[in-house]
């Protein structure tokens, strides 16, 4: 696959995830593969050489690290701005808020700014850095949301006999 296919996959994943965040989603314990989509993005990013610019290795590593921090921070902020509730039957649901959409926009603006800095420095950044950043964002969002939801799930206990 080349960079254009990476970009097409990235756009499709982001469109699916972004559209789904505004509909109520049931959180199931154990059965949901919340890590699968981020893992696919990370695999696509790491499967071929070219993640780092050989002519500007140090700057490339720094820009990649900043991109990953942006992804992790965006994912955590997105998870904390997502509404989570339990219905009357005890099922846990989640739905993105407008604040979550704002987090997306801020994260995208920061990534675009980082791309501009890379271009100004003459550092080549392919689609792989973006794939890793978005993968980190989705993984963090899913993990934090799942962790938050665990606190809302009902636990049924048998009273002690004594």
N, C-alpha and C. Protein backbone atom coordinates (compact mmCIF):
# COMPACT_ATOMS: atom_id res chain seq x y z
N UNK A 1 0.85 -1.19 0.00
CA UNK A 1 0.00 0.00 0.00
C UNK A 1 0.88 1.23 0.00
N UNK A 2 0.36 2.28 -0.58
CA UNK A 2 1.12 3.53 -0.60
C UNK A 2 0.45 4.55 0.30
N UNK A 3 1.02 5.75 0.31
CA UNK A 3 0.51 6.81 1.16
C UNK A 3 -0.94 7.19 0.87
N UNK A 4 -1.34 7.14 -0.39
CA UNK A 4 -2.72 7.51 -0.73
C UNK A 4 -3.72 6.52 -0.16
N UNK A 5 -3.36 5.25 -0.18
CA UNK A 5 -4.26 4.25 0.40
C UNK A 5 -4.32 4.39 1.92
N UNK A 6 -3.16 4.71 2.53
CA UNK A 6 -3.14 4.98 3.97
C UNK A 6 -4.09 6.12 4.32
N UNK A 7 -4.03 7.17 3.52
CA UNK A 7 -4.89 8.34 3.76
C UNK A 7 -6.35 7.97 3.58
N UNK A 8 -6.65 7.16 2.56
CA UNK A 8 -8.04 6.73 2.34
C UNK A 8 -8.55 5.91 3.52
N UNK A 9 -7.72 4.99 4.02
CA UNK A 9 -8.10 4.18 5.19
C UNK A 9 -8.31 5.09 6.40
N UNK A 10 -7.39 6.03 6.60
CA UNK A 10 -7.49 6.95 7.72
C UNK A 10 -8.77 7.78 7.66
N UNK A 11 -9.08 8.30 6.50
CA UNK A 11 -10.30 9.10 6.35
C UNK A 11 -11.54 8.25 6.62
N UNK A 12 -11.54 7.01 6.13
CA UNK A 12 -12.69 6.13 6.36
C UNK A 12 -12.85 5.82 7.85
N UNK A 13 -11.75 5.52 8.53
CA UNK A 13 -11.82 5.21 9.96
C UNK A 13 -12.30 6.42 10.75
N UNK A 14 -11.72 7.57 10.46
CA UNK A 14 -12.11 8.79 11.18
C UNK A 14 -13.58 9.12 10.92
N UNK A 15 -14.03 8.98 9.69
CA UNK A 15 -15.44 9.26 9.37
C UNK A 15 -16.37 8.32 10.13
N UNK A 16 -16.02 7.04 10.17
CA UNK A 16 -16.86 6.06 10.88
C UNK A 16 -16.91 6.38 12.37
N UNK A 17 -15.73 6.59 12.95
CA UNK A 17 -15.66 6.84 14.40
C UNK A 17 -16.34 8.16 14.76
N UNK A 18 -16.08 9.20 13.97
CA UNK A 18 -16.66 10.51 14.26
C UNK A 18 -18.19 10.46 14.15
N UNK A 19 -18.71 9.80 13.12
CA UNK A 19 -20.16 9.71 12.95
C UNK A 19 -20.79 8.88 14.06
N UNK A 20 -20.13 7.81 14.48
CA UNK A 20 -20.68 6.94 15.53
C UNK A 20 -20.69 7.61 16.90
N UNK A 21 -19.81 8.59 17.10
CA UNK A 21 -19.74 9.20 18.43
C UNK A 21 -21.00 9.99 18.76
N UNK A 22 -21.78 10.39 17.78
CA UNK A 22 -22.98 11.17 18.04
C UNK A 22 -24.25 10.32 18.12
N UNK A 23 -24.08 9.01 18.06
CA UNK A 23 -25.20 8.11 18.30
C UNK A 23 -24.89 7.33 19.57
N UNK A 24 -25.92 7.02 20.31
CA UNK A 24 -25.73 6.27 21.55
C UNK A 24 -25.21 4.88 21.21
N UNK A 25 -24.13 4.48 21.88
CA UNK A 25 -23.51 3.18 21.66
C UNK A 25 -23.53 2.41 22.97
N UNK A 26 -23.97 1.18 22.90
CA UNK A 26 -23.99 0.32 24.07
C UNK A 26 -22.58 -0.19 24.34
N UNK A 27 -22.16 -0.11 25.58
CA UNK A 27 -20.84 -0.62 25.95
C UNK A 27 -21.04 -2.00 26.53
N UNK A 28 -20.45 -2.98 25.88
CA UNK A 28 -20.55 -4.35 26.35
C UNK A 28 -19.26 -4.71 27.04
N UNK A 29 -19.35 -5.45 28.09
CA UNK A 29 -18.14 -5.83 28.82
C UNK A 29 -17.57 -7.11 28.24
N UNK A 30 -16.30 -7.05 27.92
CA UNK A 30 -15.57 -8.24 27.48
C UNK A 30 -15.68 -8.56 26.00
N UNK A 31 -16.85 -8.45 25.41
CA UNK A 31 -17.03 -8.89 24.03
C UNK A 31 -16.58 -7.90 22.99
N UNK A 32 -16.52 -6.65 23.32
CA UNK A 32 -16.20 -5.63 22.33
C UNK A 32 -14.70 -5.51 22.12
N UNK A 33 -14.31 -5.46 20.89
CA UNK A 33 -12.89 -5.33 20.52
C UNK A 33 -12.56 -3.86 20.32
N UNK A 34 -12.54 -3.11 21.40
CA UNK A 34 -12.32 -1.67 21.32
C UNK A 34 -10.92 -1.29 20.86
N UNK A 35 -10.02 -2.22 20.89
CA UNK A 35 -8.64 -1.96 20.51
C UNK A 35 -8.36 -2.30 19.05
N UNK A 36 -9.31 -2.93 18.34
CA UNK A 36 -9.05 -3.46 17.00
C UNK A 36 -8.76 -2.37 15.97
N UNK A 37 -9.61 -1.35 15.88
CA UNK A 37 -9.40 -0.29 14.88
C UNK A 37 -8.09 0.46 15.11
N UNK A 38 -7.77 0.84 16.36
CA UNK A 38 -6.47 1.47 16.57
C UNK A 38 -5.30 0.55 16.22
N UNK A 39 -5.43 -0.74 16.50
CA UNK A 39 -4.36 -1.69 16.17
C UNK A 39 -4.14 -1.77 14.66
N UNK A 40 -5.21 -1.71 13.89
CA UNK A 40 -5.09 -1.73 12.43
C UNK A 40 -4.33 -0.48 11.97
N UNK A 41 -4.66 0.68 12.52
CA UNK A 41 -3.96 1.91 12.14
C UNK A 41 -2.48 1.85 12.49
N UNK A 42 -2.16 1.34 13.67
CA UNK A 42 -0.76 1.22 14.08
C UNK A 42 -0.03 0.24 13.16
N UNK A 43 -0.67 -0.87 12.83
CA UNK A 43 -0.07 -1.84 11.91
C UNK A 43 0.21 -1.20 10.56
N UNK A 44 -0.75 -0.45 10.03
CA UNK A 44 -0.55 0.21 8.74
C UNK A 44 0.60 1.21 8.80
N UNK A 45 0.75 1.88 9.93
CA UNK A 45 1.82 2.87 10.07
C UNK A 45 3.20 2.22 10.16
N UNK A 46 3.27 1.06 10.80
CA UNK A 46 4.57 0.45 11.05
C UNK A 46 4.98 -0.61 10.04
N UNK A 47 4.14 -0.93 9.09
CA UNK A 47 4.39 -2.05 8.20
C UNK A 47 5.45 -1.78 7.14
N UNK A 48 5.77 -0.54 6.88
CA UNK A 48 6.77 -0.22 5.85
C UNK A 48 7.72 0.85 6.36
N UNK A 49 8.90 0.93 5.77
CA UNK A 49 9.86 1.94 6.23
C UNK A 49 9.41 3.35 5.82
N UNK A 50 10.02 4.34 6.45
CA UNK A 50 9.72 5.71 6.07
C UNK A 50 9.02 6.50 7.15
N UNK A 51 8.87 5.93 8.33
CA UNK A 51 8.22 6.65 9.42
C UNK A 51 9.05 7.86 9.83
N UNK A 52 10.37 7.70 9.81
CA UNK A 52 11.27 8.79 10.15
C UNK A 52 12.01 9.27 8.91
N UNK A 53 12.25 10.56 8.85
CA UNK A 53 13.00 11.16 7.74
C UNK A 53 14.49 10.92 7.99
N UNK A 54 15.17 10.13 7.13
CA UNK A 54 16.58 9.82 7.39
C UNK A 54 17.48 11.06 7.34
N UNK A 55 17.09 12.07 6.62
CA UNK A 55 17.90 13.29 6.51
C UNK A 55 17.77 14.17 7.75
N UNK A 56 16.69 14.02 8.49
CA UNK A 56 16.43 14.84 9.68
C UNK A 56 15.94 13.93 10.81
N UNK A 57 16.74 12.97 11.17
CA UNK A 57 16.29 11.94 12.11
C UNK A 57 15.87 12.52 13.46
N UNK A 58 16.67 13.39 14.06
CA UNK A 58 16.35 13.93 15.39
C UNK A 58 15.06 14.75 15.36
N UNK A 59 14.95 15.63 14.40
CA UNK A 59 13.73 16.46 14.28
C UNK A 59 12.52 15.58 13.99
N UNK A 60 12.73 14.55 13.20
CA UNK A 60 11.64 13.63 12.86
C UNK A 60 11.15 12.87 14.08
N UNK A 61 12.07 12.44 14.93
CA UNK A 61 11.70 11.73 16.16
C UNK A 61 10.94 12.67 17.10
N UNK A 62 11.41 13.90 17.23
CA UNK A 62 10.74 14.87 18.09
C UNK A 62 9.32 15.16 17.58
N UNK A 63 9.19 15.38 16.29
CA UNK A 63 7.87 15.65 15.72
C UNK A 63 6.93 14.46 15.88
N UNK A 64 7.46 13.25 15.72
CA UNK A 64 6.64 12.05 15.91
C UNK A 64 6.20 11.93 17.37
N UNK A 65 7.12 12.20 18.30
CA UNK A 65 6.78 12.13 19.72
C UNK A 65 5.71 13.16 20.07
N UNK A 66 5.83 14.37 19.56
CA UNK A 66 4.82 15.40 19.81
C UNK A 66 3.48 14.98 19.21
N UNK A 67 3.52 14.40 18.03
CA UNK A 67 2.29 13.92 17.39
C UNK A 67 1.61 12.84 18.23
N UNK A 68 2.39 11.93 18.80
CA UNK A 68 1.82 10.89 19.66
C UNK A 68 1.25 11.48 20.94
N UNK A 69 1.93 12.47 21.51
CA UNK A 69 1.41 13.14 22.71
C UNK A 69 0.09 13.83 22.40
N UNK A 70 0.01 14.47 21.24
CA UNK A 70 -1.25 15.11 20.82
C UNK A 70 -2.35 14.05 20.70
N UNK A 71 -2.02 12.90 20.10
CA UNK A 71 -3.00 11.82 19.97
C UNK A 71 -3.47 11.30 21.32
N UNK A 72 -2.53 11.07 22.23
CA UNK A 72 -2.88 10.57 23.56
C UNK A 72 -3.71 11.59 24.34
N UNK A 73 -3.32 12.86 24.29
CA UNK A 73 -4.06 13.91 24.99
C UNK A 73 -5.45 14.09 24.39
N UNK A 74 -5.55 14.07 23.08
CA UNK A 74 -6.85 14.20 22.42
C UNK A 74 -7.77 13.04 22.78
N UNK A 75 -7.21 11.83 22.79
CA UNK A 75 -8.01 10.66 23.14
C UNK A 75 -8.53 10.72 24.57
N UNK A 76 -7.67 11.14 25.49
CA UNK A 76 -8.09 11.25 26.89
C UNK A 76 -9.14 12.35 27.05
N UNK A 77 -8.92 13.49 26.42
CA UNK A 77 -9.89 14.59 26.51
C UNK A 77 -11.21 14.19 25.88
N UNK A 78 -11.16 13.48 24.77
CA UNK A 78 -12.37 13.02 24.10
C UNK A 78 -13.15 12.08 25.02
N UNK A 79 -12.43 11.16 25.67
CA UNK A 79 -13.09 10.21 26.57
C UNK A 79 -13.75 10.92 27.75
N UNK A 80 -13.11 11.94 28.28
CA UNK A 80 -13.66 12.64 29.44
C UNK A 80 -14.78 13.60 29.07
N UNK A 81 -14.92 13.93 27.78
CA UNK A 81 -16.03 14.78 27.35
C UNK A 81 -17.16 13.96 26.75
N UNK A 82 -17.04 12.64 26.81
CA UNK A 82 -18.08 11.74 26.32
C UNK A 82 -19.06 11.46 27.46
N UNK A 83 -20.33 11.52 27.14
CA UNK A 83 -21.37 11.24 28.14
C UNK A 83 -21.52 9.73 28.30
N UNK A 84 -21.52 9.26 29.54
CA UNK A 84 -21.70 7.83 29.85
C UNK A 84 -22.81 7.73 30.88
N UNK A 85 -23.76 6.83 30.63
CA UNK A 85 -24.87 6.66 31.56
C UNK A 85 -25.33 5.21 31.56
N UNK A 86 -26.12 4.88 32.56
CA UNK A 86 -26.71 3.56 32.70
C UNK A 86 -28.22 3.68 32.53
N UNK A 87 -28.79 2.82 31.71
CA UNK A 87 -30.25 2.86 31.56
C UNK A 87 -30.91 2.08 32.70
N UNK A 88 -32.23 2.01 32.67
CA UNK A 88 -32.98 1.37 33.77
C UNK A 88 -32.73 -0.12 33.91
N UNK A 89 -32.20 -0.75 32.85
CA UNK A 89 -31.91 -2.18 32.93
C UNK A 89 -30.47 -2.46 33.35
N UNK A 90 -29.68 -1.41 33.55
CA UNK A 90 -28.29 -1.57 33.96
C UNK A 90 -27.28 -1.58 32.83
N UNK A 91 -27.74 -1.40 31.59
CA UNK A 91 -26.84 -1.37 30.44
C UNK A 91 -26.15 0.00 30.39
N UNK A 92 -24.85 0.00 30.14
CA UNK A 92 -24.08 1.23 30.07
C UNK A 92 -24.02 1.71 28.62
N UNK A 93 -24.28 3.01 28.43
CA UNK A 93 -24.29 3.63 27.12
C UNK A 93 -23.31 4.79 27.09
N UNK A 94 -22.89 5.15 25.88
CA UNK A 94 -21.99 6.28 25.69
C UNK A 94 -22.42 7.06 24.45
N UNK A 95 -22.18 8.35 24.51
CA UNK A 95 -22.49 9.21 23.36
C UNK A 95 -21.62 10.45 23.44
N UNK A 96 -21.04 10.82 22.30
CA UNK A 96 -20.20 12.01 22.24
C UNK A 96 -21.00 13.28 22.41
N UNK A 97 -20.39 14.27 22.99
CA UNK A 97 -21.01 15.58 23.18
C UNK A 97 -20.40 16.57 22.20
N UNK A 98 -20.93 17.77 22.20
CA UNK A 98 -20.34 18.81 21.35
C UNK A 98 -18.95 19.17 21.84
N UNK A 99 -18.70 19.04 23.13
CA UNK A 99 -17.35 19.26 23.65
C UNK A 99 -16.38 18.23 23.07
N UNK A 100 -16.86 17.00 22.90
CA UNK A 100 -16.02 15.96 22.29
C UNK A 100 -15.69 16.33 20.84
N UNK A 101 -16.66 16.89 20.13
CA UNK A 101 -16.41 17.34 18.77
C UNK A 101 -15.37 18.46 18.77
N UNK A 102 -15.43 19.33 19.77
CA UNK A 102 -14.43 20.39 19.90
C UNK A 102 -13.05 19.82 20.13
N UNK A 103 -12.97 18.75 20.90
CA UNK A 103 -11.68 18.09 21.13
C UNK A 103 -11.13 17.57 19.81
N UNK A 104 -12.00 16.97 19.00
CA UNK A 104 -11.58 16.49 17.68
C UNK A 104 -11.01 17.65 16.86
N UNK A 105 -11.73 18.75 16.83
CA UNK A 105 -11.28 19.88 16.02
C UNK A 105 -9.95 20.44 16.53
N UNK A 106 -9.80 20.54 17.83
CA UNK A 106 -8.54 21.03 18.40
C UNK A 106 -7.39 20.07 18.09
N UNK A 107 -7.63 18.78 18.24
CA UNK A 107 -6.60 17.79 17.93
C UNK A 107 -6.20 17.85 16.46
N UNK A 108 -7.18 18.01 15.59
CA UNK A 108 -6.90 18.11 14.16
C UNK A 108 -6.10 19.38 13.86
N UNK A 109 -6.48 20.50 14.48
CA UNK A 109 -5.75 21.76 14.27
C UNK A 109 -4.30 21.62 14.76
N UNK A 110 -4.10 20.97 15.90
CA UNK A 110 -2.74 20.77 16.41
C UNK A 110 -1.92 19.88 15.47
N UNK A 111 -2.54 18.83 14.94
CA UNK A 111 -1.82 17.96 14.00
C UNK A 111 -1.46 18.72 12.73
N UNK A 112 -2.40 19.52 12.22
CA UNK A 112 -2.11 20.31 11.01
C UNK A 112 -1.00 21.33 11.29
N UNK A 113 -1.02 21.94 12.46
CA UNK A 113 0.05 22.86 12.83
C UNK A 113 1.39 22.16 12.89
N UNK A 114 1.40 20.95 13.42
CA UNK A 114 2.63 20.17 13.49
C UNK A 114 3.13 19.81 12.10
N UNK A 115 2.22 19.51 11.20
CA UNK A 115 2.61 19.24 9.81
C UNK A 115 3.22 20.48 9.17
N UNK A 116 2.65 21.64 9.48
CA UNK A 116 3.21 22.90 8.98
C UNK A 116 4.60 23.15 9.50
N UNK A 117 4.82 22.87 10.79
CA UNK A 117 6.16 23.02 11.38
C UNK A 117 7.14 22.08 10.69
N UNK A 118 6.71 20.83 10.47
CA UNK A 118 7.57 19.85 9.80
C UNK A 118 7.93 20.34 8.40
N UNK A 119 6.94 20.86 7.68
CA UNK A 119 7.20 21.37 6.32
C UNK A 119 8.15 22.56 6.35
N UNK A 120 7.99 23.44 7.33
CA UNK A 120 8.87 24.61 7.44
C UNK A 120 10.30 24.20 7.76
N UNK A 121 10.46 23.12 8.51
CA UNK A 121 11.80 22.62 8.85
C UNK A 121 12.39 21.74 7.75
N UNK A 122 11.57 21.40 6.76
CA UNK A 122 12.04 20.53 5.69
C UNK A 122 12.05 19.06 6.07
N UNK A 123 11.31 18.72 7.10
CA UNK A 123 11.23 17.32 7.55
C UNK A 123 10.08 16.64 6.84
N UNK A 124 10.38 15.53 6.19
CA UNK A 124 9.33 14.77 5.50
C UNK A 124 8.56 13.94 6.52
N UNK A 125 7.26 14.14 6.54
CA UNK A 125 6.38 13.30 7.37
C UNK A 125 5.34 12.70 6.44
N UNK A 126 5.33 11.40 6.37
CA UNK A 126 4.34 10.73 5.57
C UNK A 126 3.05 10.54 6.34
N UNK A 127 2.17 9.79 5.76
CA UNK A 127 0.89 9.51 6.40
C UNK A 127 1.05 8.63 7.63
N UNK A 128 2.21 7.98 7.76
CA UNK A 128 2.41 7.05 8.87
C UNK A 128 2.35 7.73 10.23
N UNK A 129 2.91 8.93 10.34
CA UNK A 129 2.87 9.65 11.62
C UNK A 129 1.43 9.98 12.01
N UNK A 130 0.63 10.34 11.03
CA UNK A 130 -0.78 10.65 11.29
C UNK A 130 -1.53 9.39 11.69
N UNK A 131 -1.24 8.28 11.01
CA UNK A 131 -1.88 7.01 11.36
C UNK A 131 -1.56 6.63 12.80
N UNK A 132 -0.30 6.79 13.21
CA UNK A 132 0.08 6.47 14.59
C UNK A 132 -0.62 7.39 15.58
N UNK A 133 -0.68 8.67 15.27
CA UNK A 133 -1.31 9.64 16.17
C UNK A 133 -2.79 9.35 16.34
N UNK A 134 -3.47 9.10 15.24
CA UNK A 134 -4.91 8.80 15.31
C UNK A 134 -5.13 7.45 16.00
N UNK A 135 -4.26 6.48 15.73
CA UNK A 135 -4.36 5.20 16.44
C UNK A 135 -4.20 5.38 17.94
N UNK A 136 -3.24 6.21 18.35
CA UNK A 136 -3.05 6.49 19.78
C UNK A 136 -4.27 7.19 20.36
N UNK A 137 -4.86 8.11 19.60
CA UNK A 137 -6.05 8.82 20.07
C UNK A 137 -7.22 7.86 20.26
N UNK A 138 -7.47 7.01 19.27
CA UNK A 138 -8.59 6.07 19.35
C UNK A 138 -8.39 5.04 20.47
N UNK A 139 -7.15 4.57 20.61
CA UNK A 139 -6.87 3.59 21.66
C UNK A 139 -7.05 4.21 23.04
N UNK A 140 -6.56 5.43 23.23
CA UNK A 140 -6.72 6.11 24.52
C UNK A 140 -8.18 6.40 24.80
N UNK A 141 -8.91 6.88 23.82
CA UNK A 141 -10.33 7.18 24.00
C UNK A 141 -11.10 5.93 24.39
N UNK A 142 -10.87 4.85 23.66
CA UNK A 142 -11.59 3.61 23.95
C UNK A 142 -11.22 3.05 25.32
N UNK A 143 -9.95 3.08 25.64
CA UNK A 143 -9.52 2.57 26.94
C UNK A 143 -10.07 3.37 28.10
N UNK A 144 -9.98 4.69 28.03
CA UNK A 144 -10.48 5.54 29.11
C UNK A 144 -12.00 5.44 29.22
N UNK A 145 -12.68 5.41 28.09
CA UNK A 145 -14.15 5.29 28.11
C UNK A 145 -14.57 3.96 28.73
N UNK A 146 -13.90 2.89 28.35
CA UNK A 146 -14.20 1.58 28.92
C UNK A 146 -13.93 1.57 30.42
N UNK A 147 -12.83 2.17 30.83
CA UNK A 147 -12.50 2.26 32.25
C UNK A 147 -13.56 3.07 33.00
N UNK A 148 -13.99 4.20 32.43
CA UNK A 148 -15.03 5.00 33.07
C UNK A 148 -16.34 4.23 33.17
N UNK A 149 -16.66 3.46 32.14
CA UNK A 149 -17.92 2.72 32.11
C UNK A 149 -17.93 1.60 33.15
N UNK A 150 -16.79 1.05 33.47
CA UNK A 150 -16.74 -0.04 34.46
C UNK A 150 -17.25 0.43 35.81
N UNK A 151 -17.07 1.68 36.12
CA UNK A 151 -17.56 2.21 37.39
C UNK A 151 -19.07 2.33 37.44
N UNK A 152 -19.72 2.32 36.27
CA UNK A 152 -21.18 2.44 36.23
C UNK A 152 -21.90 1.11 36.14
N UNK A 153 -21.19 0.06 35.77
CA UNK A 153 -21.84 -1.23 35.61
C UNK A 153 -22.26 -1.78 36.96
N UNK A 154 -23.46 -2.31 36.97
CA UNK A 154 -24.01 -2.86 38.21
C UNK A 154 -23.27 -4.13 38.59
N UNK A 155 -23.06 -4.28 39.84
CA UNK A 155 -22.51 -5.53 40.36
C UNK A 155 -23.54 -6.10 41.33
N UNK A 156 -23.91 -7.32 41.10
CA UNK A 156 -24.90 -7.96 41.95
C UNK A 156 -24.18 -8.87 42.93
N UNK A 157 -24.48 -8.69 44.16
CA UNK A 157 -23.82 -9.50 45.20
C UNK A 157 -24.89 -10.24 46.01
N UNK A 158 -24.51 -11.39 46.42
CA UNK A 158 -25.40 -12.18 47.27
C UNK A 158 -25.11 -11.75 48.71
N UNK A 159 -26.13 -11.41 49.46
CA UNK A 159 -25.89 -11.00 50.83
C UNK A 159 -25.28 -12.15 51.64
N UNK A 160 -24.44 -11.77 52.55
CA UNK A 160 -23.79 -12.77 53.39
C UNK A 160 -24.81 -13.37 54.35
N UNK A 161 -24.72 -14.66 54.50
CA UNK A 161 -25.61 -15.37 55.41
C UNK A 161 -24.85 -15.53 56.73
N UNK A 162 -25.46 -15.18 57.77
CA UNK A 162 -24.68 -15.34 58.97
C UNK A 162 -25.43 -15.22 60.17
